[in-house]
Protein backbone atom coordinates (compact mmCIF):
# COMPACT_ATOMS: atom_id res chain seq x y z
CA MET A 1 16.17 -4.64 -3.80
CA ASP A 2 13.14 -5.66 -5.86
CA PRO A 3 12.18 -2.67 -8.07
CA LEU A 4 8.60 -3.97 -8.18
CA LEU A 5 8.10 -3.50 -4.45
CA ASP A 6 5.49 -1.04 -3.29
CA PRO A 7 7.37 2.26 -2.69
CA ALA A 8 6.57 2.24 1.04
CA LEU A 9 7.95 -1.29 1.39
CA LYS A 10 10.95 -0.41 -0.78
CA ILE A 11 11.83 2.52 1.46
CA ALA A 12 11.30 0.42 4.60
CA GLU A 13 13.58 -2.30 3.22
CA PHE A 14 16.26 0.26 2.43
CA LEU A 15 16.08 1.93 5.87
CA LEU A 16 16.57 -1.46 7.50
CA ARG A 17 19.41 -2.45 5.17
CA ILE A 18 21.52 0.64 5.80
CA LYS A 19 20.58 0.60 9.51
CA ALA A 20 18.94 3.99 9.33
CA VAL A 21 16.28 2.17 11.33
CA ARG A 22 17.33 -0.35 13.96
CA LEU A 23 14.92 -2.74 15.68
CA GLU A 24 16.19 -4.25 18.93
CA PRO A 25 13.32 -5.15 21.28
CA LYS A 26 15.63 -7.19 23.56
CA LYS A 27 18.13 -4.33 23.97
CA PRO A 28 16.00 -1.18 23.87
CA PHE A 29 17.39 2.25 23.28
CA THR A 30 16.80 5.13 25.70
CA TRP A 31 15.60 8.35 24.12
CA ALA A 32 16.59 11.70 25.65
CA SER A 33 13.09 11.96 27.10
CA GLY A 34 13.75 8.83 29.14
CA TRP A 35 11.44 6.66 27.03
CA LYS A 36 12.61 3.11 26.37
CA SER A 37 12.28 2.20 22.71
CA PRO A 38 12.87 -0.94 20.63
CA ILE A 39 13.44 1.23 17.54
CA TYR A 40 15.86 3.98 16.62
CA CYS A 41 15.67 5.98 13.39
CA ASP A 42 18.42 8.09 11.81
CA ASN A 43 17.27 9.13 8.35
CA ARG A 44 20.36 11.28 7.82
CA LYS A 45 22.08 8.10 6.65
CA ILE A 46 19.92 8.24 3.50
CA LEU A 47 21.91 11.24 2.27
CA GLY A 48 24.95 9.02 1.74
CA HIS A 49 23.09 6.80 -0.74
CA PRO A 50 22.38 8.71 -3.99
CA VAL A 51 20.03 6.18 -5.60
CA MET A 52 17.67 5.95 -2.64
CA ARG A 53 18.06 9.65 -1.87
CA THR A 54 16.80 10.39 -5.38
CA PHE A 55 14.01 7.83 -5.08
CA ILE A 56 12.78 9.42 -1.86
CA ARG A 57 12.95 12.87 -3.44
CA GLN A 58 10.76 11.69 -6.30
CA GLN A 59 8.32 10.02 -3.93
CA PHE A 60 8.05 13.28 -2.00
CA VAL A 61 7.37 15.23 -5.20
CA GLU A 62 4.66 12.78 -6.30
CA LYS A 63 3.08 12.80 -2.83
CA ILE A 64 3.04 16.59 -2.67
CA ASN A 65 1.52 16.99 -6.13
CA LYS A 66 -1.11 14.34 -5.43
CA GLU A 67 -2.14 15.39 -1.92
CA PHE A 68 -1.61 19.15 -1.88
CA GLY A 69 -1.03 20.45 -5.38
CA LYS A 70 2.00 22.58 -6.16
CA PRO A 71 2.73 24.99 -3.26
CA ASP A 72 4.43 28.37 -3.44
CA MET A 73 7.42 27.04 -1.52
CA ILE A 74 8.90 24.10 0.36
CA ALA A 75 9.86 24.43 4.02
CA GLY A 76 12.25 22.01 5.74
CA VAL A 77 12.32 21.30 9.47
CA ALA A 78 15.76 21.54 11.08
CA THR A 79 17.78 19.60 10.94
CA GLY A 80 16.75 16.34 9.30
CA GLY A 81 14.22 17.88 6.93
CA ILE A 82 16.51 20.55 5.49
CA ALA A 83 18.54 18.50 3.00
CA HIS A 84 15.54 16.52 1.76
CA GLY A 85 13.50 19.71 1.54
CA VAL A 86 16.16 21.39 -0.61
CA LEU A 87 16.18 18.41 -2.97
CA VAL A 88 12.40 18.53 -3.30
CA ALA A 89 12.35 22.30 -3.84
CA GLN A 90 15.03 22.00 -6.54
CA GLU A 91 13.13 19.25 -8.33
CA MET A 92 9.87 21.21 -8.22
CA GLY A 93 11.49 24.52 -9.15
CA LEU A 94 10.29 26.15 -5.94
CA PRO A 95 11.73 28.53 -3.34
CA PHE A 96 12.97 26.96 -0.10
CA ALA A 97 12.92 28.04 3.51
CA TYR A 98 13.68 26.20 6.72
CA VAL A 99 12.47 26.35 10.29
CA ARG A 100 14.94 26.46 13.14
CA SER A 101 14.40 24.38 16.26
CA SER A 102 14.55 27.63 18.24
CA GLU A 103 14.82 31.34 17.61
CA LYS A 104 18.21 32.55 16.41
CA ALA A 105 20.05 34.10 19.35
CA HIS A 106 21.46 37.10 17.43
CA GLY A 107 20.95 39.25 14.35
CA MET A 108 17.32 39.23 13.17
CA ARG A 109 16.43 36.52 15.71
CA ASN A 110 14.67 34.52 13.02
CA THR A 111 12.92 31.23 13.55
CA VAL A 112 12.09 30.80 9.87
CA GLU A 113 15.03 31.33 7.50
CA GLY A 114 14.57 32.22 3.84
CA ASP A 115 12.95 34.79 1.58
CA LEU A 116 9.32 34.56 2.64
CA THR A 117 8.24 37.13 0.06
CA GLN A 118 8.44 34.35 -2.55
CA GLY A 119 5.09 32.82 -1.64
CA ARG A 120 2.30 32.64 0.90
CA ASN A 121 1.86 28.90 1.29
CA ALA A 122 4.16 25.93 1.82
CA VAL A 123 4.37 22.19 2.20
CA VAL A 124 6.63 21.17 5.08
CA VAL A 125 9.23 18.40 4.64
CA GLU A 126 10.22 16.33 7.70
CA ASP A 127 12.46 13.30 7.96
CA LEU A 128 10.77 11.68 10.97
CA VAL A 129 7.60 12.12 12.99
CA SER A 130 7.35 10.59 16.45
CA THR A 131 5.18 12.52 18.94
CA GLY A 132 4.76 15.40 16.48
CA LYS A 133 5.94 18.02 18.97
CA SER A 134 8.83 19.58 17.07
CA SER A 135 7.14 19.08 13.69
CA LEU A 136 4.08 21.02 14.81
CA THR A 137 6.23 23.67 16.49
CA ALA A 138 7.71 24.27 13.03
CA VAL A 139 4.21 24.54 11.57
CA SER A 140 3.32 27.10 14.25
CA SER A 141 6.43 29.15 13.40
CA LEU A 142 5.46 29.21 9.72
CA ARG A 143 1.92 30.27 10.56
CA ASP A 144 3.26 33.01 12.81
CA ALA A 145 5.20 34.23 9.75
CA ASP A 146 1.88 34.39 7.83
CA ILE A 147 2.68 31.31 5.73
CA GLU A 148 -0.25 29.00 5.07
CA VAL A 149 0.80 25.41 5.70
CA LYS A 150 -0.87 23.16 3.14
CA GLY A 151 0.41 20.05 4.89
CA MET A 152 3.47 18.01 5.81
CA VAL A 153 5.31 15.08 4.26
CA SER A 154 7.80 12.88 6.08
CA ILE A 155 9.99 9.91 5.24
CA PHE A 156 8.86 7.91 8.27
CA THR A 157 6.33 8.05 11.08
CA TYR A 158 5.91 5.83 14.11
CA GLY A 159 2.16 6.39 13.89
CA LEU A 160 1.85 7.14 17.59
CA LYS A 161 -1.61 8.00 18.90
CA GLU A 162 -0.19 11.13 20.51
CA ALA A 163 1.02 12.40 17.13
CA THR A 164 -2.21 11.54 15.33
CA GLU A 165 -4.21 13.51 17.89
CA ALA A 166 -1.77 16.44 17.83
CA PHE A 167 -1.84 16.74 14.03
CA GLY A 168 -5.63 16.54 14.07
CA LYS A 169 -5.89 19.26 16.69
CA ALA A 170 -3.48 21.48 14.74
CA LYS A 171 -5.42 20.80 11.51
CA VAL A 172 -2.31 19.63 9.67
CA ARG A 173 -2.44 16.79 7.14
CA LEU A 174 0.56 14.47 7.38
CA HIS A 175 1.54 12.04 4.63
CA ALA A 176 4.50 9.74 5.33
CA LEU A 177 6.32 7.73 2.68
CA THR A 178 6.50 4.73 5.00
CA ASN A 179 5.51 3.92 8.57
CA TYR A 180 5.99 1.65 11.57
CA ASN A 181 3.49 -1.02 10.51
CA ILE A 182 5.00 -1.29 7.03
CA LEU A 183 8.49 -1.39 8.51
CA LEU A 184 7.59 -4.33 10.78
CA GLN A 185 6.02 -6.14 7.83
CA GLN A 186 9.22 -5.73 5.81
CA ALA A 187 11.45 -6.57 8.78
CA ILE A 188 9.67 -9.92 9.21
CA ALA A 189 9.87 -10.66 5.47
CA ASP A 190 13.59 -9.92 5.36
CA GLY A 191 14.45 -11.73 8.59
CA TYR A 192 15.55 -8.69 10.58
CA ILE A 193 13.21 -9.75 13.37
CA SER A 194 11.31 -12.93 14.24
CA GLU A 195 7.60 -13.45 14.86
CA LYS A 196 8.23 -13.60 18.61
CA ASP A 197 9.66 -10.06 18.46
CA MET A 198 6.36 -8.69 17.18
CA ALA A 199 4.53 -8.67 20.52
CA PRO A 200 6.89 -6.27 22.35
CA LEU A 201 7.22 -4.12 19.23
CA LYS A 202 3.45 -3.74 19.01
CA ARG A 203 3.12 -3.13 22.78
CA TRP A 204 5.64 -0.31 22.54
CA ARG A 205 3.61 1.49 19.90
CA GLU A 206 0.46 1.17 22.02
CA ASP A 207 2.01 2.97 25.02
CA PRO A 208 5.62 4.07 24.38
CA ALA A 209 5.85 6.22 27.51
CA LYS A 210 5.28 3.20 29.80
CA TRP A 211 6.99 0.46 27.79
CA GLN A 212 10.05 -0.94 29.57
CA GLY A 213 11.33 -3.60 27.19
CA VAL A 214 10.92 -7.32 26.66
CA GLY A 215 9.24 -8.67 29.78
CA GLU A 216 7.94 -5.16 30.47
CA VAL A 217 8.27 -3.79 34.03
CA GLY A 218 10.75 -5.76 36.09
CA ASP A 219 12.98 -6.87 33.23
CA GLN A 220 16.01 -4.94 34.41
CA GLY A 221 18.31 -6.26 31.69
CA ALA A 222 16.08 -4.92 28.94
CA ALA A 223 15.10 -1.79 30.79
CA ALA A 224 18.72 -0.74 31.23
CA GLY A 225 18.84 0.03 27.50
CA ARG A 226 21.42 2.15 25.75
CA SER A 227 21.55 5.90 25.68
CA MET A 228 20.95 7.47 22.28
CA ALA A 229 20.94 11.10 21.19
CA GLY A 230 17.51 10.90 19.59
CA LYS A 231 14.34 11.98 21.31
CA PRO A 232 10.62 11.60 20.62
CA SER A 233 9.98 15.25 19.87
CA LYS A 234 9.30 15.33 16.15
């Protein structure tokens, strides 16, 4: 890995190399929502690579300080944002809390876990943003707990129009360390995909809910896909 690479390209190259991100336009994945997708992202794999894990932590810290200033606390979104959020909070010397995907079924029935008396504002750490649904649900839970959300940082975003509109409506600033366009740029440079793969990859991002694979509607071989546990909810 070239240490002189732009950080966003460096992270994209690493995600491709460890297969945290997989690009397969000819054999699309099927998300739990039923969407066909030529890309699948599992940023949890980063945690097994200490050098890049530390690099991403430092990039988060720099992004937070630059875009939001030092918050009172860091909040991670379950589950992918929790580990990275803890690392960021430790580095910044800040309290940490995390937001459950749903209300706890017993005890205090919390949605937000942590000592919220330690501060009144937070920056939210996410691993991945797709449609923005679960990410913004976490923001809503923090606001319901009287925590001011200064903004959100994520490792990766698909840059979907749906998410951009949702974050704008919710008045939440999102800053990702790398994104879909940068990933495709790096994937071409490193030979993970060819130029002819770019057209279906770009078409998917334009309308992911209707995209059916290479050849679009009628290409049954591509449309069959493979079932994956991920879903476009973040």
